[in-house]
């Protein structure tokens, strides 16, 4: 036997509309419509998150020394600001 839980939820307007649409389409009550939508979402699952990658060509800087390059750029900027009196 399935255990039941009685609770109060606050739905946003968009999710309320989804439940109401399900109620109208299937002629079911609020509780059944909400349970169906939750089950369908859980069964469908979420597709794995994918980050697109792009070919950017050859690096123009030796990336093995990226921290050294970043440090030099930062030093140059500090000297520029000191020279300007900022």
PDB file of N, CA and C in Angstrom:
ATOM      1  N   UNK A   1       0.832  -1.180   0.000  1.00  0.00           N
ATOM      2  CA  UNK A   1       0.000   0.000   0.000  1.00  0.00           C
ATOM      3  C   UNK A   1       0.882   1.250   0.000  1.00  0.00           C
ATOM      4  N   UNK A   2       0.492   2.237  -0.787  1.00  0.00           N
ATOM      5  CA  UNK A   2       1.262   3.459  -0.900  1.00  0.00           C
ATOM      6  C   UNK A   2       0.916   4.394   0.245  1.00  0.00           C
ATOM      7  N   UNK A   3       1.970   4.949   0.899  1.00  0.00           N
ATOM      8  CA  UNK A   3       1.692   5.895   1.977  1.00  0.00           C
ATOM      9  C   UNK A   3       1.317   7.244   1.364  1.00  0.00           C
ATOM     10  N   UNK A   4       0.538   7.987   2.099  1.00  0.00           N
ATOM     11  CA  UNK A   4       0.076   9.288   1.613  1.00  0.00           C
ATOM     12  C   UNK A   4       0.585  10.375   2.532  1.00  0.00           C
ATOM     13  N   UNK A   5       0.770  11.541   1.958  1.00  0.00           N
ATOM     14  CA  UNK A   5       1.186  12.694   2.739  1.00  0.00           C
ATOM     15  C   UNK A   5       0.261  13.846   2.381  1.00  0.00           C
ATOM     16  N   UNK A   6      -0.279  14.454   3.371  1.00  0.00           N
ATOM     17  CA  UNK A   6      -1.143  15.615   3.147  1.00  0.00           C
ATOM     18  C   UNK A   6      -0.308  16.843   3.466  1.00  0.00           C
ATOM     19  N   UNK A   7      -0.287  17.801   2.531  1.00  0.00           N
ATOM     20  CA  UNK A   7       0.528  18.989   2.725  1.00  0.00           C
ATOM     21  C   UNK A   7      -0.086  20.176   2.003  1.00  0.00           C
ATOM     22  N   UNK A   8       0.397  21.341   2.322  1.00  0.00           N
ATOM     23  CA  UNK A   8      -0.035  22.561   1.644  1.00  0.00           C
ATOM     24  C   UNK A   8       1.126  23.045   0.795  1.00  0.00           C
ATOM     25  N   UNK A   9       0.830  23.364  -0.459  1.00  0.00           N
ATOM     26  CA  UNK A   9       1.864  23.894  -1.343  1.00  0.00           C
ATOM     27  C   UNK A   9       1.387  25.217  -1.925  1.00  0.00           C
ATOM     28  N   UNK A  10       2.329  26.072  -2.222  1.00  0.00           N
ATOM     29  CA  UNK A  10       2.026  27.326  -2.903  1.00  0.00           C
ATOM     30  C   UNK A  10       2.614  27.222  -4.298  1.00  0.00           C
ATOM     31  N   UNK A  11       1.744  27.282  -5.312  1.00  0.00           N
ATOM     32  CA  UNK A  11       2.188  27.152  -6.690  1.00  0.00           C
ATOM     33  C   UNK A  11       2.298  28.518  -7.342  1.00  0.00           C
ATOM     34  N   UNK A  12       3.303  28.676  -8.170  1.00  0.00           N
ATOM     35  CA  UNK A  12       3.415  29.894  -8.971  1.00  0.00           C
ATOM     36  C   UNK A  12       2.322  29.870 -10.027  1.00  0.00           C
ATOM     37  N   UNK A  13       2.063  31.028 -10.606  1.00  0.00           N
ATOM     38  CA  UNK A  13       0.987  31.142 -11.592  1.00  0.00           C
ATOM     39  C   UNK A  13       1.179  30.189 -12.770  1.00  0.00           C
ATOM     40  N   UNK A  14       2.419  30.059 -13.259  1.00  0.00           N
ATOM     41  CA  UNK A  14       2.636  29.200 -14.423  1.00  0.00           C
ATOM     42  C   UNK A  14       2.368  27.732 -14.107  1.00  0.00           C
ATOM     43  N   UNK A  15       2.746  27.274 -12.913  1.00  0.00           N
ATOM     44  CA  UNK A  15       2.492  25.878 -12.568  1.00  0.00           C
ATOM     45  C   UNK A  15       1.014  25.647 -12.256  1.00  0.00           C
ATOM     46  N   UNK A  16       0.368  26.645 -11.679  1.00  0.00           N
ATOM     47  CA  UNK A  16      -1.078  26.539 -11.457  1.00  0.00           C
ATOM     48  C   UNK A  16      -1.797  26.357 -12.787  1.00  0.00           C
ATOM     49  N   UNK A  17      -1.372  27.106 -13.788  1.00  0.00           N
ATOM     50  CA  UNK A  17      -1.981  26.981 -15.116  1.00  0.00           C
ATOM     51  C   UNK A  17      -1.762  25.594 -15.712  1.00  0.00           C
ATOM     52  N   UNK A  18      -0.573  25.010 -15.486  1.00  0.00           N
ATOM     53  CA  UNK A  18      -0.310  23.648 -15.974  1.00  0.00           C
ATOM     54  C   UNK A  18      -1.269  22.644 -15.334  1.00  0.00           C
ATOM     55  N   UNK A  19      -1.463  22.775 -14.021  1.00  0.00           N
ATOM     56  CA  UNK A  19      -2.360  21.850 -13.316  1.00  0.00           C
ATOM     57  C   UNK A  19      -3.793  22.044 -13.794  1.00  0.00           C
ATOM     58  N   UNK A  20      -4.212  23.288 -13.922  1.00  0.00           N
ATOM     59  CA  UNK A  20      -5.586  23.549 -14.387  1.00  0.00           C
ATOM     60  C   UNK A  20      -5.807  23.023 -15.802  1.00  0.00           C
ATOM     61  N   UNK A  21      -4.810  23.185 -16.660  1.00  0.00           N
ATOM     62  CA  UNK A  21      -4.936  22.667 -18.019  1.00  0.00           C
ATOM     63  C   UNK A  21      -5.081  21.147 -18.009  1.00  0.00           C
ATOM     64  N   UNK A  22      -4.281  20.487 -17.154  1.00  0.00           N
ATOM     65  CA  UNK A  22      -4.379  19.026 -17.038  1.00  0.00           C
ATOM     66  C   UNK A  22      -5.751  18.627 -16.530  1.00  0.00           C
ATOM     67  N   UNK A  23      -6.291  19.358 -15.576  1.00  0.00           N
ATOM     68  CA  UNK A  23      -7.612  19.060 -15.033  1.00  0.00           C
ATOM     69  C   UNK A  23      -8.667  19.147 -16.134  1.00  0.00           C
ATOM     70  N   UNK A  24      -8.574  20.183 -16.955  1.00  0.00           N
ATOM     71  CA  UNK A  24      -9.561  20.368 -18.033  1.00  0.00           C
ATOM     72  C   UNK A  24      -9.415  19.308 -19.122  1.00  0.00           C
ATOM     73  N   UNK A  25      -8.167  18.995 -19.489  1.00  0.00           N
ATOM     74  CA  UNK A  25      -7.918  18.021 -20.565  1.00  0.00           C
ATOM     75  C   UNK A  25      -8.389  16.627 -20.192  1.00  0.00           C
ATOM     76  N   UNK A  26      -8.161  16.242 -18.942  1.00  0.00           N
ATOM     77  CA  UNK A  26      -8.447  14.861 -18.536  1.00  0.00           C
ATOM     78  C   UNK A  26      -9.706  14.717 -17.695  1.00  0.00           C
ATOM     79  N   UNK A  27     -10.300  15.829 -17.316  1.00  0.00           N
ATOM     80  CA  UNK A  27     -11.499  15.764 -16.491  1.00  0.00           C
ATOM     81  C   UNK A  27     -11.238  15.163 -15.119  1.00  0.00           C
ATOM     82  N   UNK A  28     -10.093  15.528 -14.529  1.00  0.00           N
ATOM     83  CA  UNK A  28      -9.722  14.995 -13.215  1.00  0.00           C
ATOM     84  C   UNK A  28      -9.638  16.139 -12.217  1.00  0.00           C
ATOM     85  N   UNK A  29      -9.538  15.779 -10.957  1.00  0.00           N
ATOM     86  CA  UNK A  29      -9.431  16.773  -9.903  1.00  0.00           C
ATOM     87  C   UNK A  29      -8.015  17.293  -9.752  1.00  0.00           C
ATOM     88  N   UNK A  30      -7.888  18.301  -8.896  1.00  0.00           N
ATOM     89  CA  UNK A  30      -6.607  18.950  -8.671  1.00  0.00           C
ATOM     90  C   UNK A  30      -5.546  17.959  -8.210  1.00  0.00           C
ATOM     91  N   UNK A  31      -5.877  17.156  -7.197  1.00  0.00           N
ATOM     92  CA  UNK A  31      -4.905  16.218  -6.625  1.00  0.00           C
ATOM     93  C   UNK A  31      -4.389  15.243  -7.672  1.00  0.00           C
ATOM     94  N   UNK A  32      -5.284  14.667  -8.462  1.00  0.00           N
ATOM     95  CA  UNK A  32      -4.872  13.701  -9.469  1.00  0.00           C
ATOM     96  C   UNK A  32      -4.029  14.369 -10.551  1.00  0.00           C
ATOM     97  N   UNK A  33      -4.431  15.564 -10.993  1.00  0.00           N
ATOM     98  CA  UNK A  33      -3.675  16.277 -12.021  1.00  0.00           C
ATOM     99  C   UNK A  33      -2.259  16.594 -11.540  1.00  0.00           C
ATOM    100  N   UNK A  34      -2.138  17.072 -10.316  1.00  0.00           N
ATOM    101  CA  UNK A  34      -0.824  17.397  -9.764  1.00  0.00           C
ATOM    102  C   UNK A  34       0.040  16.149  -9.638  1.00  0.00           C
ATOM    103  N   UNK A  35      -0.516  15.056  -9.118  1.00  0.00           N
ATOM    104  CA  UNK A  35       0.245  13.814  -8.989  1.00  0.00           C
ATOM    105  C   UNK A  35       0.697  13.290 -10.350  1.00  0.00           C
ATOM    106  N   UNK A  36      -0.172  13.352 -11.367  1.00  0.00           N
ATOM    107  CA  UNK A  36       0.205  12.901 -12.703  1.00  0.00           C
ATOM    108  C   UNK A  36       1.366  13.719 -13.254  1.00  0.00           C
ATOM    109  N   UNK A  37       1.290  15.026 -13.118  1.00  0.00           N
ATOM    110  CA  UNK A  37       2.348  15.888 -13.631  1.00  0.00           C
ATOM    111  C   UNK A  37       3.678  15.628 -12.935  1.00  0.00           C
ATOM    112  N   UNK A  38       3.633  15.441 -11.631  1.00  0.00           N
ATOM    113  CA  UNK A  38       4.869  15.150 -10.883  1.00  0.00           C
ATOM    114  C   UNK A  38       5.455  13.819 -11.330  1.00  0.00           C
ATOM    115  N   UNK A  39       4.613  12.780 -11.451  1.00  0.00           N
ATOM    116  CA  UNK A  39       5.105  11.465 -11.876  1.00  0.00           C
ATOM    117  C   UNK A  39       5.701  11.510 -13.284  1.00  0.00           C
ATOM    118  N   UNK A  40       5.015  12.188 -14.203  1.00  0.00           N
ATOM    119  CA  UNK A  40       5.526  12.277 -15.577  1.00  0.00           C
ATOM    120  C   UNK A  40       6.888  12.956 -15.617  1.00  0.00           C
ATOM    121  N   UNK A  41       7.032  14.010 -14.846  1.00  0.00           N
ATOM    122  CA  UNK A  41       8.309  14.727 -14.810  1.00  0.00           C
ATOM    123  C   UNK A  41       9.402  13.844 -14.223  1.00  0.00           C
ATOM    124  N   UNK A  42       9.089  13.110 -13.159  1.00  0.00           N
ATOM    125  CA  UNK A  42      10.079  12.244 -12.526  1.00  0.00           C
ATOM    126  C   UNK A  42      10.486  11.101 -13.456  1.00  0.00           C
ATOM    127  N   UNK A  43       9.525  10.533 -14.190  1.00  0.00           N
ATOM    128  CA  UNK A  43       9.829   9.429 -15.095  1.00  0.00           C
ATOM    129  C   UNK A  43      10.665   9.896 -16.281  1.00  0.00           C
ATOM    130  N   UNK A  44      10.356  11.081 -16.759  1.00  0.00           N
ATOM    131  CA  UNK A  44      11.067  11.613 -17.920  1.00  0.00           C
ATOM    132  C   UNK A  44      12.515  11.894 -17.565  1.00  0.00           C
ATOM    133  N   UNK A  45      12.733  12.339 -16.354  1.00  0.00           N
ATOM    134  CA  UNK A  45      14.084  12.667 -15.929  1.00  0.00           C
ATOM    135  C   UNK A  45      14.597  13.901 -16.639  1.00  0.00           C
ATOM    136  N   UNK A  46      15.777  14.260 -16.302  1.00  0.00           N
ATOM    137  CA  UNK A  46      16.395  15.434 -16.883  1.00  0.00           C
ATOM    138  C   UNK A  46      17.531  14.994 -17.783  1.00  0.00           C
ATOM    139  N   UNK A  47      17.618  15.584 -18.965  1.00  0.00           N
ATOM    140  CA  UNK A  47      18.756  15.222 -19.809  1.00  0.00           C
ATOM    141  C   UNK A  47      20.053  15.715 -19.166  1.00  0.00           C
ATOM    142  N   UNK A  48      21.152  15.033 -19.428  1.00  0.00           N
ATOM    143  CA  UNK A  48      22.412  15.475 -18.823  1.00  0.00           C
ATOM    144  C   UNK A  48      22.773  16.885 -19.286  1.00  0.00           C
ATOM    145  N   UNK A  49      23.346  17.647 -18.385  1.00  0.00           N
ATOM    146  CA  UNK A  49      23.746  19.010 -18.717  1.00  0.00           C
ATOM    147  C   UNK A  49      24.925  18.955 -19.672  1.00  0.00           C
ATOM    148  N   UNK A  50      24.842  19.691 -20.735  1.00  0.00           N
ATOM    149  CA  UNK A  50      25.909  19.720 -21.732  1.00  0.00           C
ATOM    150  C   UNK A  50      26.344  21.165 -21.958  1.00  0.00           C
ATOM    151  N   UNK A  51      27.633  21.370 -22.007  1.00  0.00           N
ATOM    152  CA  UNK A  51      28.184  22.671 -22.314  1.00  0.00           C
ATOM    153  C   UNK A  51      28.757  22.619 -23.718  1.00  0.00           C
ATOM    154  N   UNK A  52      28.320  23.521 -24.594  1.00  0.00           N
ATOM    155  CA  UNK A  52      28.857  23.478 -25.953  1.00  0.00           C
ATOM    156  C   UNK A  52      30.338  23.851 -25.971  1.00  0.00           C
ATOM    157  N   UNK A  53      31.064  23.248 -26.867  1.00  0.00           N
ATOM    158  CA  UNK A  53      32.475  23.574 -27.040  1.00  0.00           C
ATOM    159  C   UNK A  53      32.684  24.099 -28.449  1.00  0.00           C
ATOM    160  N   UNK A  54      33.684  24.916 -28.613  1.00  0.00           N
ATOM    161  CA  UNK A  54      33.971  25.528 -29.905  1.00  0.00           C
ATOM    162  C   UNK A  54      35.454  25.443 -30.195  1.00  0.00           C
ATOM    163  N   UNK A  55      35.786  25.197 -31.448  1.00  0.00           N
ATOM    164  CA  UNK A  55      37.179  25.217 -31.869  1.00  0.00           C
ATOM    165  C   UNK A  55      37.620  26.667 -31.948  1.00  0.00           C
ATOM    166  N   UNK A  56      38.688  27.001 -31.265  1.00  0.00           N
ATOM    167  CA  UNK A  56      39.148  28.389 -31.237  1.00  0.00           C
ATOM    168  C   UNK A  56      40.498  28.562 -31.933  1.00  0.00           C
ATOM    169  N   UNK A  57      40.972  27.516 -32.572  1.00  0.00           N
ATOM    170  CA  UNK A  57      42.251  27.632 -33.267  1.00  0.00           C
ATOM    171  C   UNK A  57      43.418  27.457 -32.316  1.00  0.00           C
ATOM    172  N   UNK A  58      44.601  27.682 -32.851  1.00  0.00           N
ATOM    173  CA  UNK A  58      45.826  27.548 -32.064  1.00  0.00           C
ATOM    174  C   UNK A  58      45.939  28.693 -31.066  1.00  0.00           C
ATOM    175  N   UNK A  59      46.462  28.382 -29.899  1.00  0.00           N
ATOM    176  CA  UNK A  59      46.698  29.413 -28.895  1.00  0.00           C
ATOM    177  C   UNK A  59      47.838  30.316 -29.354  1.00  0.00           C
ATOM    178  N   UNK A  60      47.697  31.611 -29.114  1.00  0.00           N
ATOM    179  CA  UNK A  60      48.748  32.552 -29.507  1.00  0.00           C
ATOM    180  C   UNK A  60      49.736  32.799 -28.372  1.00  0.00           C
ATOM    181  N   UNK A  61      49.441  32.249 -27.204  1.00  0.00           N
ATOM    182  CA  UNK A  61      50.302  32.384 -26.034  1.00  0.00           C
ATOM    183  C   UNK A  61      50.607  30.993 -25.525  1.00  0.00           C
ATOM    184  N   UNK A  62      51.810  30.783 -25.054  1.00  0.00           N
ATOM    185  CA  UNK A  62      52.172  29.502 -24.454  1.00  0.00           C
ATOM    186  C   UNK A  62      51.395  29.362 -23.145  1.00  0.00           C
ATOM    187  N   UNK A  63      50.355  28.515 -23.158  1.00  0.00           N
ATOM    188  CA  UNK A  63      49.470  28.401 -22.000  1.00  0.00           C
ATOM    189  C   UNK A  63      50.128  27.725 -20.810  1.00  0.00           C
ATOM    190  N   UNK A  64      51.272  27.129 -20.999  1.00  0.00           N
ATOM    191  CA  UNK A  64      51.969  26.539 -19.857  1.00  0.00           C
ATOM    192  C   UNK A  64      52.506  27.638 -18.942  1.00  0.00           C
ATOM    193  N   UNK A  65      52.542  28.860 -19.463  1.00  0.00           N
ATOM    194  CA  UNK A  65      53.008  29.994 -18.657  1.00  0.00           C
ATOM    195  C   UNK A  65      51.916  31.048 -18.506  1.00  0.00           C
ATOM    196  N   UNK A  66      50.658  30.598 -18.478  1.00  0.00           N
ATOM    197  CA  UNK A  66      49.524  31.522 -18.418  1.00  0.00           C
ATOM    198  C   UNK A  66      49.551  32.383 -17.164  1.00  0.00           C
ATOM    199  N   UNK A  67      49.910  31.805 -16.025  1.00  0.00           N
ATOM    200  CA  UNK A  67      49.957  32.592 -14.787  1.00  0.00           C
ATOM    201  C   UNK A  67      51.046  33.651 -14.856  1.00  0.00           C
ATOM    202  N   UNK A  68      52.154  33.329 -15.487  1.00  0.00           N
ATOM    203  CA  UNK A  68      53.240  34.299 -15.651  1.00  0.00           C
ATOM    204  C   UNK A  68      52.778  35.461 -16.536  1.00  0.00           C
ATOM    205  N   UNK A  69      52.057  35.143 -17.623  1.00  0.00           N
ATOM    206  CA  UNK A  69      51.533  36.182 -18.512  1.00  0.00           C
ATOM    207  C   UNK A  69      50.529  37.046 -17.769  1.00  0.00           C
ATOM    208  N   UNK A  70      49.627  36.422 -17.002  1.00  0.00           N
ATOM    209  CA  UNK A  70      48.629  37.174 -16.245  1.00  0.00           C
ATOM    210  C   UNK A  70      49.306  38.085 -15.230  1.00  0.00           C
ATOM    211  N   UNK A  71      50.326  37.590 -14.567  1.00  0.00           N
ATOM    212  CA  UNK A  71      51.070  38.401 -13.603  1.00  0.00           C
ATOM    213  C   UNK A  71      51.743  39.585 -14.264  1.00  0.00           C
ATOM    214  N   UNK A  72      52.327  39.365 -15.430  1.00  0.00           N
ATOM    215  CA  UNK A  72      52.984  40.459 -16.143  1.00  0.00           C
ATOM    216  C   UNK A  72      51.972  41.515 -16.568  1.00  0.00           C
ATOM    217  N   UNK A  73      50.801  41.084 -17.056  1.00  0.00           N
ATOM    218  CA  UNK A  73      49.757  42.036 -17.434  1.00  0.00           C
ATOM    219  C   UNK A  73      49.300  42.857 -16.232  1.00  0.00           C
ATOM    220  N   UNK A  74      49.169  42.186 -15.089  1.00  0.00           N
ATOM    221  CA  UNK A  74      48.754  42.896 -13.875  1.00  0.00           C
ATOM    222  C   UNK A  74      49.819  43.894 -13.443  1.00  0.00           C
ATOM    223  N   UNK A  75      51.094  43.493 -13.504  1.00  0.00           N
ATOM    224  CA  UNK A  75      52.184  44.402 -13.156  1.00  0.00           C
ATOM    225  C   UNK A  75      52.202  45.618 -14.076  1.00  0.00           C
ATOM    226  N   UNK A  76      52.008  45.379 -15.366  1.00  0.00           N
ATOM    227  CA  UNK A  76      51.982  46.479 -16.338  1.00  0.00           C
ATOM    228  C   UNK A  76      50.857  47.462 -16.022  1.00  0.00           C
ATOM    229  N   UNK A  77      49.696  46.941 -15.647  1.00  0.00           N
ATOM    230  CA  UNK A  77      48.554  47.801 -15.321  1.00  0.00           C
ATOM    231  C   UNK A  77      48.828  48.614 -14.062  1.00  0.00           C
ATOM    232  N   UNK A  78      49.443  48.015 -13.069  1.00  0.00           N
ATOM    233  CA  UNK A  78      49.780  48.744 -11.829  1.00  0.00           C
ATOM    234  C   UNK A  78      50.755  49.875 -12.143  1.00  0.00           C
ATOM    235  N   UNK A  79      51.763  49.572 -12.967  1.00  0.00           N
ATOM    236  CA  UNK A  79      52.729  50.610 -13.333  1.00  0.00           C
ATOM    237  C   UNK A  79      52.040  51.745 -14.108  1.00  0.00           C
ATOM    238  N   UNK A  80      51.130  51.413 -14.984  1.00  0.00           N
ATOM    239  CA  UNK A  80      50.407  52.423 -15.760  1.00  0.00           C
ATOM    240  C   UNK A  80      49.606  53.331 -14.830  1.00  0.00           C
ATOM    241  N   UNK A  81      48.939  52.734 -13.830  1.00  0.00           N
ATOM    242  CA  UNK A  81      48.154  53.529 -12.884  1.00  0.00           C
ATOM    243  C   UNK A  81      49.042  54.407 -12.014  1.00  0.00           C
ATOM    244  N   UNK A  82      50.199  53.886 -11.583  1.00  0.00           N
ATOM    245  CA  UNK A  82      51.120  54.676 -10.778  1.00  0.00           C
ATOM    246  C   UNK A  82      51.664  55.840 -11.584  1.00  0.00           C
ATOM    247  N   UNK A  83      51.948  55.588 -12.839  1.00  0.00           N
ATOM    248  CA  UNK A  83      52.462  56.629 -13.719  1.00  0.00           C
ATOM    249  C   UNK A  83      51.422  57.742 -13.916  1.00  0.00           C
ATOM    250  N   UNK A  84      50.162  57.372 -14.000  1.00  0.00           N
ATOM    251  CA  UNK A  84      49.079  58.346 -14.186  1.00  0.00           C
ATOM    252  C   UNK A  84      48.679  59.009 -12.882  1.00  0.00           C
ATOM    253  N   UNK A  85      49.089  58.435 -11.763  1.00  0.00           N
ATOM    254  CA  UNK A  85      48.749  59.001 -10.464  1.00  0.00           C
ATOM    255  C   UNK A  85      47.354  58.630  -9.999  1.00  0.00           C
ATOM    256  N   UNK A  86      46.851  57.490 -10.432  1.00  0.00           N
ATOM    257  CA  UNK A  86      45.500  57.056 -10.071  1.00  0.00           C
ATOM    258  C   UNK A  86      45.555  56.214  -8.824  1.00  0.00           C
TER     259      UNK A  86
END
